[in-house]
């Protein structure tokens, strides 16, 4: 995908965390002050899998496990955006939710998105917005240190004007031993729009 097209796509509400498959600083020109991290309550999950437990070797290669993980992450992030949409303000718990779902490569742009939602901007956004639906396409790499997936992000329940996007997602392990918003032992560290056929061949690498 051409960089200009990617930037236009990433400017859409709830797709601000995406960028082309290039290493380097997060694609954000944000100047807003980002509130400090705080602790908040658990967001329950309806998954039949124990998504809070450390995965077994078999689970790391199981699409059902990753679908449950991604759905739980989407729910936690979605609750943050729903809070901003209904209250027209960003509460510390909403910021904390984004921090626990997205790593440093994605969080700054997601924070800009939630600012837009709280300000009542974001053409086409549903009220209240639903959750992004992530459809796993392929497990590229999965071990205890890093996981790379290709997936399709469907924003139909959030903002029907945003097209479905094929992405490469990189997830890193996290300590979920505390009573936190994100109950799963993973965080989305990178999120790239697939811009070329070989984009998914270099995940979890510098």
N, C-alpha and C. Protein backbone atom coordinates (compact mmCIF):
# COMPACT_ATOMS: atom_id res chain seq x y z
N UNK A 1 0.84 -1.18 0.00
CA UNK A 1 0.00 0.00 0.00
C UNK A 1 0.88 1.24 0.00
N UNK A 2 0.55 2.21 -0.81
CA UNK A 2 1.31 3.44 -0.87
C UNK A 2 1.25 4.15 0.47
N UNK A 3 2.38 4.79 0.87
CA UNK A 3 2.44 5.42 2.18
C UNK A 3 1.32 6.45 2.38
N UNK A 4 1.00 7.26 1.36
CA UNK A 4 -0.05 8.25 1.51
C UNK A 4 -1.38 7.58 1.82
N UNK A 5 -1.66 6.50 1.09
CA UNK A 5 -2.91 5.77 1.35
C UNK A 5 -2.92 5.21 2.75
N UNK A 6 -1.78 4.72 3.21
CA UNK A 6 -1.71 4.18 4.57
C UNK A 6 -1.98 5.27 5.59
N UNK A 7 -1.40 6.45 5.40
CA UNK A 7 -1.61 7.53 6.36
C UNK A 7 -3.06 7.97 6.38
N UNK A 8 -3.70 8.00 5.23
CA UNK A 8 -5.12 8.36 5.19
C UNK A 8 -5.95 7.32 5.91
N UNK A 9 -5.61 6.04 5.68
CA UNK A 9 -6.34 4.95 6.33
C UNK A 9 -6.11 4.99 7.82
N UNK A 10 -4.87 5.21 8.24
CA UNK A 10 -4.55 5.22 9.65
C UNK A 10 -5.14 6.42 10.37
N UNK A 11 -5.55 7.44 9.63
CA UNK A 11 -6.18 8.60 10.24
C UNK A 11 -7.62 8.34 10.63
N UNK A 12 -8.19 7.24 10.15
CA UNK A 12 -9.56 6.90 10.49
C UNK A 12 -9.67 6.49 11.95
N UNK A 13 -10.80 6.77 12.55
CA UNK A 13 -11.00 6.43 13.95
C UNK A 13 -10.82 4.93 14.17
N UNK A 14 -10.05 4.60 15.21
CA UNK A 14 -9.77 3.24 15.66
C UNK A 14 -8.87 2.47 14.71
N UNK A 15 -8.24 3.13 13.75
CA UNK A 15 -7.21 2.48 12.96
C UNK A 15 -5.95 3.33 13.01
N UNK A 16 -5.87 4.17 14.02
CA UNK A 16 -4.74 5.08 14.10
C UNK A 16 -3.45 4.37 14.49
N UNK A 17 -3.54 3.17 15.01
CA UNK A 17 -2.32 2.49 15.43
C UNK A 17 -1.58 1.81 14.32
N UNK A 18 -2.13 1.76 13.12
CA UNK A 18 -1.47 1.01 12.05
C UNK A 18 -0.41 1.85 11.38
N UNK A 19 0.57 1.15 10.79
CA UNK A 19 1.58 1.81 9.98
C UNK A 19 2.18 0.82 9.02
N UNK A 20 2.97 1.30 8.08
CA UNK A 20 3.55 0.39 7.10
C UNK A 20 4.60 -0.46 7.77
N UNK A 21 4.97 -1.55 7.12
CA UNK A 21 5.92 -2.50 7.69
C UNK A 21 7.33 -1.95 7.57
N UNK A 22 7.64 -0.98 8.43
CA UNK A 22 8.96 -0.38 8.47
C UNK A 22 9.34 -0.20 9.92
N UNK A 23 10.59 -0.43 10.25
CA UNK A 23 11.06 -0.23 11.61
C UNK A 23 11.33 1.25 11.85
N UNK A 24 11.16 1.68 13.09
CA UNK A 24 11.45 3.07 13.40
C UNK A 24 10.44 3.61 14.37
N UNK A 25 10.50 4.89 14.68
CA UNK A 25 9.58 5.51 15.65
C UNK A 25 8.15 5.38 15.21
N UNK A 26 7.24 5.38 16.18
CA UNK A 26 5.81 5.29 15.87
C UNK A 26 5.41 6.46 14.99
N UNK A 27 4.51 6.17 14.04
CA UNK A 27 4.08 7.20 13.10
C UNK A 27 3.06 8.10 13.75
N UNK A 28 3.52 9.05 14.53
CA UNK A 28 2.62 9.96 15.22
C UNK A 28 3.28 11.31 15.39
N UNK A 29 2.53 12.36 15.10
CA UNK A 29 3.02 13.71 15.31
C UNK A 29 2.31 14.35 16.49
N UNK A 30 1.84 13.50 17.39
CA UNK A 30 1.02 13.96 18.51
C UNK A 30 1.82 14.88 19.42
N UNK A 31 1.15 15.92 19.90
CA UNK A 31 1.77 16.82 20.86
C UNK A 31 1.00 16.84 22.16
N UNK A 32 -0.11 16.09 22.23
CA UNK A 32 -0.93 16.08 23.44
C UNK A 32 -0.19 15.41 24.58
N UNK A 33 -0.42 15.86 25.79
CA UNK A 33 0.16 15.24 26.96
C UNK A 33 -0.58 13.96 27.27
N UNK A 34 0.16 12.87 27.40
CA UNK A 34 -0.44 11.57 27.68
C UNK A 34 -0.42 11.33 29.18
N UNK A 35 -1.58 11.10 29.78
CA UNK A 35 -1.62 10.91 31.23
C UNK A 35 -0.79 9.72 31.68
N UNK A 36 -0.32 9.78 32.90
CA UNK A 36 0.47 8.70 33.46
C UNK A 36 -0.40 7.47 33.69
N UNK A 37 0.25 6.31 33.71
CA UNK A 37 -0.45 5.05 33.91
C UNK A 37 -1.03 4.96 35.31
N UNK A 38 -2.24 4.40 35.41
CA UNK A 38 -2.87 4.14 36.70
C UNK A 38 -3.47 2.75 36.69
N UNK A 39 -3.87 2.27 37.84
CA UNK A 39 -4.46 0.93 37.93
C UNK A 39 -5.98 1.03 37.85
N UNK A 40 -6.61 -0.01 37.34
CA UNK A 40 -8.07 0.00 37.22
C UNK A 40 -8.60 -1.42 37.36
N UNK A 41 -9.92 -1.55 37.25
CA UNK A 41 -10.58 -2.83 37.51
C UNK A 41 -10.50 -3.78 36.32
N UNK A 42 -10.83 -5.04 36.59
CA UNK A 42 -10.78 -6.07 35.56
C UNK A 42 -11.93 -5.91 34.57
N UNK A 43 -11.63 -6.18 33.30
CA UNK A 43 -12.69 -6.29 32.29
C UNK A 43 -12.95 -7.78 32.10
N UNK A 44 -14.15 -8.28 32.41
CA UNK A 44 -14.42 -9.71 32.31
C UNK A 44 -14.41 -10.17 30.86
N UNK A 45 -14.10 -11.42 30.66
CA UNK A 45 -14.13 -12.02 29.32
C UNK A 45 -15.10 -13.19 29.32
N UNK A 46 -15.77 -13.40 28.18
CA UNK A 46 -16.73 -14.49 28.07
C UNK A 46 -16.13 -15.69 27.36
N UNK A 47 -14.81 -15.62 27.06
CA UNK A 47 -14.17 -16.72 26.37
C UNK A 47 -14.22 -18.00 27.19
N UNK A 48 -14.39 -19.16 26.52
CA UNK A 48 -14.39 -20.43 27.21
C UNK A 48 -12.97 -20.88 27.53
N UNK A 49 -11.97 -20.27 26.89
CA UNK A 49 -10.58 -20.57 27.19
C UNK A 49 -10.13 -19.74 28.38
N UNK A 50 -9.15 -20.27 29.11
CA UNK A 50 -8.56 -19.49 30.20
C UNK A 50 -7.51 -18.57 29.60
N UNK A 51 -7.95 -17.39 29.16
CA UNK A 51 -7.05 -16.49 28.44
C UNK A 51 -6.04 -15.83 29.37
N UNK A 52 -6.24 -15.93 30.68
CA UNK A 52 -5.30 -15.30 31.61
C UNK A 52 -4.10 -16.18 31.93
N UNK A 53 -4.19 -17.47 31.61
CA UNK A 53 -3.11 -18.40 31.92
C UNK A 53 -2.01 -18.33 30.86
N UNK A 54 -0.79 -18.64 31.26
CA UNK A 54 0.30 -18.73 30.29
C UNK A 54 0.00 -19.87 29.32
N UNK A 55 0.15 -19.63 28.03
CA UNK A 55 -0.23 -20.66 27.05
C UNK A 55 0.74 -21.83 27.02
N UNK A 56 0.20 -22.97 26.69
CA UNK A 56 1.03 -24.14 26.47
C UNK A 56 1.66 -24.04 25.08
N UNK A 57 2.61 -24.91 24.81
CA UNK A 57 3.24 -24.93 23.48
C UNK A 57 2.20 -25.19 22.41
N UNK A 58 1.25 -26.08 22.70
CA UNK A 58 0.21 -26.39 21.73
C UNK A 58 -0.71 -25.19 21.50
N UNK A 59 -1.04 -24.46 22.56
CA UNK A 59 -1.91 -23.30 22.41
C UNK A 59 -1.28 -22.21 21.55
N UNK A 60 0.03 -22.07 21.63
CA UNK A 60 0.71 -21.06 20.82
C UNK A 60 0.48 -21.27 19.33
N UNK A 61 0.20 -22.50 18.94
CA UNK A 61 -0.02 -22.82 17.53
C UNK A 61 -1.51 -23.03 17.22
N UNK A 62 -2.37 -22.70 18.17
CA UNK A 62 -3.81 -22.96 18.03
C UNK A 62 -4.56 -21.68 17.66
N UNK A 63 -5.15 -21.60 16.46
CA UNK A 63 -5.90 -20.40 16.08
C UNK A 63 -7.01 -20.04 17.06
N UNK A 64 -7.64 -21.04 17.67
CA UNK A 64 -8.72 -20.76 18.62
C UNK A 64 -8.20 -19.97 19.81
N UNK A 65 -7.01 -20.29 20.26
CA UNK A 65 -6.41 -19.57 21.38
C UNK A 65 -6.20 -18.10 21.01
N UNK A 66 -5.63 -17.85 19.84
CA UNK A 66 -5.35 -16.47 19.44
C UNK A 66 -6.62 -15.70 19.13
N UNK A 67 -7.62 -16.36 18.59
CA UNK A 67 -8.89 -15.67 18.38
C UNK A 67 -9.48 -15.21 19.71
N UNK A 68 -9.36 -16.04 20.74
CA UNK A 68 -9.86 -15.67 22.06
C UNK A 68 -9.04 -14.53 22.66
N UNK A 69 -7.74 -14.59 22.49
CA UNK A 69 -6.87 -13.53 23.00
C UNK A 69 -7.20 -12.20 22.32
N UNK A 70 -7.31 -12.23 21.01
CA UNK A 70 -7.58 -10.99 20.26
C UNK A 70 -8.95 -10.42 20.58
N UNK A 71 -9.94 -11.29 20.75
CA UNK A 71 -11.28 -10.82 21.11
C UNK A 71 -11.27 -10.14 22.49
N UNK A 72 -10.49 -10.69 23.42
CA UNK A 72 -10.40 -10.10 24.75
C UNK A 72 -9.70 -8.75 24.71
N UNK A 73 -8.63 -8.66 23.92
CA UNK A 73 -7.93 -7.38 23.77
C UNK A 73 -8.85 -6.34 23.12
N UNK A 74 -9.59 -6.76 22.10
CA UNK A 74 -10.51 -5.84 21.44
C UNK A 74 -11.59 -5.34 22.40
N UNK A 75 -12.05 -6.21 23.28
CA UNK A 75 -13.08 -5.82 24.25
C UNK A 75 -12.53 -4.78 25.22
N UNK A 76 -11.31 -5.00 25.71
CA UNK A 76 -10.72 -4.05 26.65
C UNK A 76 -10.52 -2.69 26.00
N UNK A 77 -10.01 -2.67 24.78
CA UNK A 77 -9.82 -1.40 24.06
C UNK A 77 -11.17 -0.78 23.72
N UNK A 78 -12.12 -1.61 23.32
CA UNK A 78 -13.45 -1.11 22.97
C UNK A 78 -14.14 -0.45 24.14
N UNK A 79 -13.98 -1.00 25.33
CA UNK A 79 -14.58 -0.39 26.51
C UNK A 79 -14.00 1.00 26.77
N UNK A 80 -12.72 1.16 26.50
CA UNK A 80 -12.10 2.48 26.67
C UNK A 80 -12.70 3.49 25.71
N UNK A 81 -12.89 3.09 24.46
CA UNK A 81 -13.47 4.00 23.47
C UNK A 81 -14.95 4.27 23.75
N UNK A 82 -15.66 3.27 24.24
CA UNK A 82 -17.08 3.48 24.58
C UNK A 82 -17.20 4.47 25.74
N UNK A 83 -16.29 4.38 26.69
CA UNK A 83 -16.30 5.32 27.81
C UNK A 83 -16.07 6.75 27.31
N UNK A 84 -15.09 6.91 26.43
CA UNK A 84 -14.80 8.25 25.90
C UNK A 84 -15.96 8.78 25.07
N UNK A 85 -16.62 7.89 24.34
CA UNK A 85 -17.74 8.30 23.50
C UNK A 85 -18.94 8.74 24.34
N UNK A 86 -19.24 8.00 25.39
CA UNK A 86 -20.43 8.31 26.19
C UNK A 86 -20.22 9.49 27.12
N UNK A 87 -19.00 9.65 27.65
CA UNK A 87 -18.73 10.69 28.64
C UNK A 87 -18.12 11.94 28.03
N UNK A 88 -17.74 11.85 26.75
CA UNK A 88 -17.06 12.97 26.09
C UNK A 88 -15.87 13.44 26.93
N UNK A 89 -15.21 12.48 27.50
CA UNK A 89 -14.02 12.75 28.33
C UNK A 89 -13.21 11.47 28.39
N UNK A 90 -11.94 11.61 28.73
CA UNK A 90 -11.07 10.45 28.84
C UNK A 90 -10.71 10.25 30.30
N UNK A 91 -11.21 9.19 30.88
CA UNK A 91 -10.92 8.88 32.27
C UNK A 91 -9.58 8.14 32.37
N UNK A 92 -8.91 8.23 33.51
CA UNK A 92 -7.64 7.52 33.67
C UNK A 92 -7.74 6.02 33.39
N UNK A 93 -8.88 5.41 33.73
CA UNK A 93 -9.04 3.98 33.48
C UNK A 93 -9.05 3.66 31.99
N UNK A 94 -9.55 4.59 31.17
CA UNK A 94 -9.56 4.37 29.72
C UNK A 94 -8.14 4.43 29.17
N UNK A 95 -7.36 5.37 29.66
CA UNK A 95 -5.95 5.46 29.23
C UNK A 95 -5.21 4.21 29.66
N UNK A 96 -5.46 3.76 30.89
CA UNK A 96 -4.80 2.56 31.38
C UNK A 96 -5.18 1.35 30.55
N UNK A 97 -6.44 1.28 30.13
CA UNK A 97 -6.86 0.16 29.28
C UNK A 97 -6.04 0.13 27.99
N UNK A 98 -5.87 1.29 27.36
CA UNK A 98 -5.08 1.33 26.13
C UNK A 98 -3.63 0.95 26.39
N UNK A 99 -3.09 1.39 27.53
CA UNK A 99 -1.70 1.04 27.86
C UNK A 99 -1.53 -0.47 28.04
N UNK A 100 -2.56 -1.13 28.54
CA UNK A 100 -2.45 -2.55 28.80
C UNK A 100 -2.76 -3.40 27.57
N UNK A 101 -3.31 -2.80 26.55
CA UNK A 101 -3.59 -3.53 25.31
C UNK A 101 -2.51 -3.27 24.27
N UNK A 102 -2.01 -2.03 24.21
CA UNK A 102 -1.07 -1.62 23.17
C UNK A 102 0.28 -1.23 23.75
N UNK A 103 1.33 -1.72 23.10
CA UNK A 103 2.69 -1.35 23.49
C UNK A 103 3.09 0.00 22.92
N UNK A 104 4.35 0.34 23.10
CA UNK A 104 4.84 1.67 22.74
C UNK A 104 4.78 1.94 21.24
N UNK A 105 4.76 0.88 20.42
CA UNK A 105 4.69 1.08 18.99
C UNK A 105 3.31 1.46 18.48
N UNK A 106 2.28 1.24 19.30
CA UNK A 106 0.90 1.46 18.87
C UNK A 106 0.18 2.47 19.75
N UNK A 107 0.49 2.47 21.06
CA UNK A 107 -0.27 3.28 22.01
C UNK A 107 -0.39 4.76 21.64
N UNK A 108 0.68 5.46 21.24
CA UNK A 108 0.53 6.90 20.99
C UNK A 108 -0.55 7.23 19.97
N UNK A 109 -0.65 6.43 18.92
CA UNK A 109 -1.66 6.70 17.90
C UNK A 109 -3.06 6.32 18.36
N UNK A 110 -3.17 5.27 19.16
CA UNK A 110 -4.47 4.90 19.72
C UNK A 110 -4.94 5.99 20.69
N UNK A 111 -4.00 6.58 21.41
CA UNK A 111 -4.36 7.68 22.31
C UNK A 111 -4.91 8.86 21.53
N UNK A 112 -4.31 9.15 20.38
CA UNK A 112 -4.84 10.24 19.55
C UNK A 112 -6.26 9.92 19.06
N UNK A 113 -6.50 8.64 18.75
CA UNK A 113 -7.84 8.25 18.33
C UNK A 113 -8.87 8.47 19.42
N UNK A 114 -8.51 8.12 20.66
CA UNK A 114 -9.49 8.27 21.74
C UNK A 114 -9.71 9.74 22.06
N UNK A 115 -8.70 10.58 21.82
CA UNK A 115 -8.91 12.02 21.96
C UNK A 115 -9.96 12.52 20.97
N UNK A 116 -9.89 12.01 19.74
CA UNK A 116 -10.86 12.39 18.72
C UNK A 116 -12.27 11.97 19.12
N UNK A 117 -12.37 10.77 19.65
CA UNK A 117 -13.69 10.26 20.07
C UNK A 117 -14.24 11.10 21.21
N UNK A 118 -13.42 11.39 22.21
CA UNK A 118 -13.87 12.18 23.35
C UNK A 118 -14.28 13.59 22.94
N UNK A 119 -13.67 14.09 21.87
CA UNK A 119 -13.99 15.44 21.40
C UNK A 119 -15.22 15.45 20.49
N UNK A 120 -15.78 14.28 20.24
CA UNK A 120 -16.96 14.21 19.39
C UNK A 120 -16.65 14.22 17.91
N UNK A 121 -15.38 14.04 17.58
CA UNK A 121 -15.00 13.97 16.18
C UNK A 121 -14.94 12.50 15.75
N UNK A 122 -14.69 12.26 14.48
CA UNK A 122 -14.64 10.90 13.98
C UNK A 122 -15.88 10.59 13.17
N UNK A 123 -15.90 11.03 11.93
CA UNK A 123 -17.06 10.84 11.06
C UNK A 123 -17.35 9.37 10.85
N UNK A 124 -18.61 8.99 11.01
CA UNK A 124 -19.03 7.61 10.79
C UNK A 124 -18.99 6.73 12.01
N UNK A 125 -18.48 7.24 13.12
CA UNK A 125 -18.39 6.43 14.34
C UNK A 125 -19.79 6.11 14.86
N UNK A 126 -20.02 4.84 15.20
CA UNK A 126 -21.30 4.43 15.78
C UNK A 126 -21.34 4.83 17.25
N UNK A 127 -22.55 5.04 17.76
CA UNK A 127 -22.73 5.44 19.16
C UNK A 127 -23.72 4.51 19.84
N UNK A 128 -23.28 3.67 20.76
CA UNK A 128 -21.87 3.50 21.15
C UNK A 128 -21.14 2.63 20.14
N UNK A 129 -19.82 2.79 20.03
CA UNK A 129 -19.07 1.92 19.12
C UNK A 129 -18.97 0.51 19.67
N UNK A 130 -19.00 -0.45 18.78
CA UNK A 130 -18.79 -1.84 19.19
C UNK A 130 -17.31 -2.16 19.26
N UNK A 131 -17.00 -3.44 19.18
CA UNK A 131 -15.61 -3.87 19.21
C UNK A 131 -15.11 -4.12 17.79
N UNK A 132 -13.85 -3.85 17.56
CA UNK A 132 -13.20 -4.29 16.33
C UNK A 132 -13.22 -5.81 16.31
N UNK A 133 -13.46 -6.39 15.15
CA UNK A 133 -13.43 -7.85 15.00
C UNK A 133 -12.14 -8.21 14.27
N UNK A 134 -11.29 -8.96 14.93
CA UNK A 134 -10.03 -9.40 14.34
C UNK A 134 -10.17 -10.84 13.88
N UNK A 135 -9.97 -11.04 12.59
CA UNK A 135 -10.05 -12.39 12.01
C UNK A 135 -8.65 -12.88 11.70
N UNK A 136 -8.21 -13.86 12.45
CA UNK A 136 -6.87 -14.41 12.28
C UNK A 136 -6.75 -15.09 10.92
N UNK A 137 -5.71 -14.74 10.19
CA UNK A 137 -5.43 -15.38 8.91
C UNK A 137 -4.33 -16.42 9.01
N UNK A 138 -3.26 -16.08 9.73
CA UNK A 138 -2.12 -17.00 9.79
C UNK A 138 -1.28 -16.72 11.02
N UNK A 139 -0.80 -17.78 11.65
CA UNK A 139 0.19 -17.66 12.71
C UNK A 139 1.56 -17.73 12.04
N UNK A 140 2.23 -16.60 11.96
CA UNK A 140 3.52 -16.55 11.27
C UNK A 140 4.62 -17.09 12.17
N UNK A 141 4.59 -16.66 13.41
CA UNK A 141 5.58 -17.09 14.40
C UNK A 141 4.94 -17.02 15.76
N UNK A 142 5.21 -18.00 16.60
CA UNK A 142 4.64 -17.98 17.95
C UNK A 142 5.55 -18.73 18.90
N UNK A 143 6.19 -18.01 19.80
CA UNK A 143 6.96 -18.62 20.86
C UNK A 143 6.79 -17.77 22.11
N UNK A 144 7.50 -18.11 23.15
CA UNK A 144 7.31 -17.44 24.44
C UNK A 144 7.81 -16.00 24.43
N UNK A 145 8.61 -15.63 23.42
CA UNK A 145 9.20 -14.28 23.39
C UNK A 145 8.46 -13.31 22.48
N UNK A 146 7.89 -13.80 21.40
CA UNK A 146 7.23 -12.92 20.44
C UNK A 146 6.28 -13.72 19.57
N UNK A 147 5.17 -13.10 19.22
CA UNK A 147 4.17 -13.74 18.37
C UNK A 147 3.85 -12.81 17.21
N UNK A 148 3.83 -13.35 16.01
CA UNK A 148 3.48 -12.57 14.83
C UNK A 148 2.31 -13.25 14.13
N UNK A 149 1.28 -12.47 13.87
CA UNK A 149 0.07 -12.98 13.23
C UNK A 149 -0.27 -12.09 12.04
N UNK A 150 -0.87 -12.68 11.02
CA UNK A 150 -1.52 -11.86 10.00
C UNK A 150 -3.02 -11.98 10.23
N UNK A 151 -3.71 -10.88 10.08
CA UNK A 151 -5.13 -10.87 10.41
C UNK A 151 -5.83 -9.77 9.62
N UNK A 152 -7.15 -9.85 9.60
CA UNK A 152 -7.99 -8.82 9.01
C UNK A 152 -8.73 -8.11 10.13
N UNK A 153 -8.70 -6.79 10.12
CA UNK A 153 -9.41 -6.00 11.11
C UNK A 153 -10.70 -5.48 10.49
N UNK A 154 -11.82 -5.87 11.08
CA UNK A 154 -13.15 -5.47 10.60
C UNK A 154 -13.70 -4.42 11.55
N UNK A 155 -13.93 -3.20 11.03
CA UNK A 155 -14.40 -2.08 11.84
C UNK A 155 -15.89 -1.83 11.68
N UNK A 156 -16.61 -2.79 11.12
CA UNK A 156 -18.02 -2.59 10.83
C UNK A 156 -18.87 -2.26 12.04
N UNK A 157 -18.51 -2.77 13.22
CA UNK A 157 -19.28 -2.50 14.44
C UNK A 157 -18.82 -1.24 15.15
N UNK A 158 -17.77 -0.62 14.61
CA UNK A 158 -17.21 0.58 15.22
C UNK A 158 -17.46 1.80 14.35
N UNK A 159 -17.02 1.69 13.11
CA UNK A 159 -17.16 2.77 12.14
C UNK A 159 -17.27 2.14 10.75
N UNK A 160 -18.48 2.01 10.24
CA UNK A 160 -18.68 1.32 8.95
C UNK A 160 -17.99 1.99 7.77
N UNK A 161 -17.54 3.23 7.94
CA UNK A 161 -16.86 3.91 6.83
C UNK A 161 -15.38 3.51 6.73
N UNK A 162 -14.87 2.83 7.75
CA UNK A 162 -13.47 2.39 7.72
C UNK A 162 -13.40 1.01 7.07
N UNK A 163 -12.62 0.84 6.02
CA UNK A 163 -12.55 -0.46 5.34
C UNK A 163 -11.81 -1.50 6.16
N UNK A 164 -12.14 -2.76 5.90
CA UNK A 164 -11.40 -3.86 6.51
C UNK A 164 -9.94 -3.77 6.05
N UNK A 165 -9.03 -4.02 6.96
CA UNK A 165 -7.61 -3.88 6.66
C UNK A 165 -6.86 -5.15 7.03
N UNK A 166 -5.98 -5.59 6.14
CA UNK A 166 -5.10 -6.72 6.41
C UNK A 166 -3.84 -6.20 7.10
N UNK A 167 -3.49 -6.82 8.21
CA UNK A 167 -2.38 -6.32 9.02
C UNK A 167 -1.46 -7.44 9.47
N UNK A 168 -0.28 -7.05 9.86
CA UNK A 168 0.64 -7.90 10.60
C UNK A 168 0.63 -7.40 12.04
N UNK A 169 0.39 -8.29 12.97
CA UNK A 169 0.37 -7.93 14.39
C UNK A 169 1.51 -8.64 15.09
N UNK A 170 2.20 -7.89 15.94
CA UNK A 170 3.23 -8.48 16.77
C UNK A 170 2.83 -8.32 18.24
N UNK A 171 2.78 -9.43 18.93
CA UNK A 171 2.40 -9.44 20.34
C UNK A 171 3.59 -9.88 21.18
N UNK A 172 3.76 -9.23 22.33
CA UNK A 172 4.82 -9.57 23.26
C UNK A 172 4.20 -10.01 24.58
N UNK A 173 4.90 -10.88 25.31
CA UNK A 173 4.37 -11.32 26.61
C UNK A 173 4.39 -10.19 27.62
N UNK A 174 3.46 -10.24 28.55
CA UNK A 174 3.36 -9.24 29.61
C UNK A 174 3.02 -9.92 30.92
N UNK A 175 3.35 -9.25 32.00
CA UNK A 175 3.02 -9.76 33.33
C UNK A 175 1.57 -9.39 33.64
N UNK A 176 0.71 -10.40 33.69
CA UNK A 176 -0.69 -10.16 34.00
C UNK A 176 -1.06 -10.71 35.38
N UNK A 177 -0.07 -10.77 36.25
CA UNK A 177 -0.32 -11.35 37.58
C UNK A 177 -1.13 -10.41 38.47
N UNK A 178 -1.14 -9.13 38.13
CA UNK A 178 -1.91 -8.17 38.92
C UNK A 178 -3.36 -8.12 38.43
N UNK A 179 -4.23 -7.55 39.25
CA UNK A 179 -5.64 -7.44 38.91
C UNK A 179 -5.82 -6.23 37.98
N UNK A 180 -5.65 -6.46 36.67
CA UNK A 180 -5.60 -5.35 35.72
C UNK A 180 -6.69 -5.46 34.66
N UNK A 181 -6.80 -4.43 33.85
CA UNK A 181 -7.84 -4.37 32.83
C UNK A 181 -7.68 -5.45 31.78
N UNK A 182 -6.46 -5.62 31.31
CA UNK A 182 -6.19 -6.64 30.30
C UNK A 182 -5.81 -7.93 31.00
N UNK A 183 -6.67 -8.94 31.00
CA UNK A 183 -6.38 -10.15 31.76
C UNK A 183 -5.44 -11.11 31.04
N UNK A 184 -5.11 -10.87 29.78
CA UNK A 184 -4.31 -11.82 29.01
C UNK A 184 -2.82 -11.52 29.14
N UNK A 185 -1.98 -12.54 28.97
CA UNK A 185 -0.53 -12.34 29.13
C UNK A 185 0.15 -11.83 27.88
N UNK A 186 -0.55 -11.02 27.07
CA UNK A 186 0.01 -10.50 25.83
C UNK A 186 -0.39 -9.05 25.65
N UNK A 187 0.45 -8.32 24.92
CA UNK A 187 0.18 -6.94 24.57
C UNK A 187 0.50 -6.76 23.08
N UNK A 188 -0.27 -5.95 22.38
CA UNK A 188 -0.02 -5.70 20.96
C UNK A 188 1.07 -4.64 20.86
N UNK A 189 2.25 -5.07 20.47
CA UNK A 189 3.40 -4.17 20.43
C UNK A 189 3.53 -3.45 19.10
N UNK A 190 3.17 -4.12 18.01
CA UNK A 190 3.27 -3.51 16.68
C UNK A 190 2.03 -3.88 15.87
N UNK A 191 1.64 -2.98 14.98
CA UNK A 191 0.49 -3.23 14.12
C UNK A 191 0.77 -2.55 12.79
N UNK A 192 0.98 -3.36 11.74
CA UNK A 192 1.37 -2.83 10.45
C UNK A 192 0.32 -3.17 9.40
N UNK A 193 -0.05 -2.21 8.58
CA UNK A 193 -0.83 -2.52 7.40
C UNK A 193 0.07 -3.26 6.43
N UNK A 194 -0.43 -4.34 5.84
CA UNK A 194 0.36 -5.09 4.87
C UNK A 194 0.47 -4.27 3.60
N UNK A 195 1.69 -3.85 3.28
CA UNK A 195 1.92 -2.95 2.15
C UNK A 195 2.57 -3.64 0.96
N UNK A 196 3.04 -4.85 1.16
CA UNK A 196 3.68 -5.57 0.07
C UNK A 196 3.58 -7.06 0.35
N UNK A 197 3.69 -7.91 -0.68
CA UNK A 197 3.51 -9.35 -0.48
C UNK A 197 4.45 -9.96 0.54
N UNK A 198 5.64 -9.38 0.74
CA UNK A 198 6.60 -9.99 1.66
C UNK A 198 6.56 -9.38 3.05
N UNK A 199 5.57 -8.53 3.31
CA UNK A 199 5.53 -7.85 4.60
C UNK A 199 5.44 -8.80 5.78
N UNK A 200 4.79 -9.95 5.61
CA UNK A 200 4.59 -10.86 6.72
C UNK A 200 5.77 -11.81 6.91
N UNK A 201 6.84 -11.64 6.10
CA UNK A 201 7.95 -12.59 6.17
C UNK A 201 9.02 -12.18 7.16
N UNK A 202 8.91 -10.97 7.75
CA UNK A 202 9.95 -10.49 8.67
C UNK A 202 9.37 -10.05 10.00
N UNK A 203 8.45 -10.78 10.58
CA UNK A 203 7.88 -10.37 11.88
C UNK A 203 8.81 -10.68 13.02
N UNK A 204 8.59 -10.02 14.14
CA UNK A 204 9.37 -10.26 15.36
C UNK A 204 10.86 -10.15 15.10
N UNK A 205 11.24 -9.22 14.25
CA UNK A 205 12.66 -9.04 13.95
C UNK A 205 12.96 -7.56 13.86
N UNK A 206 14.17 -7.21 14.13
CA UNK A 206 14.60 -5.81 14.07
C UNK A 206 15.08 -5.48 12.66
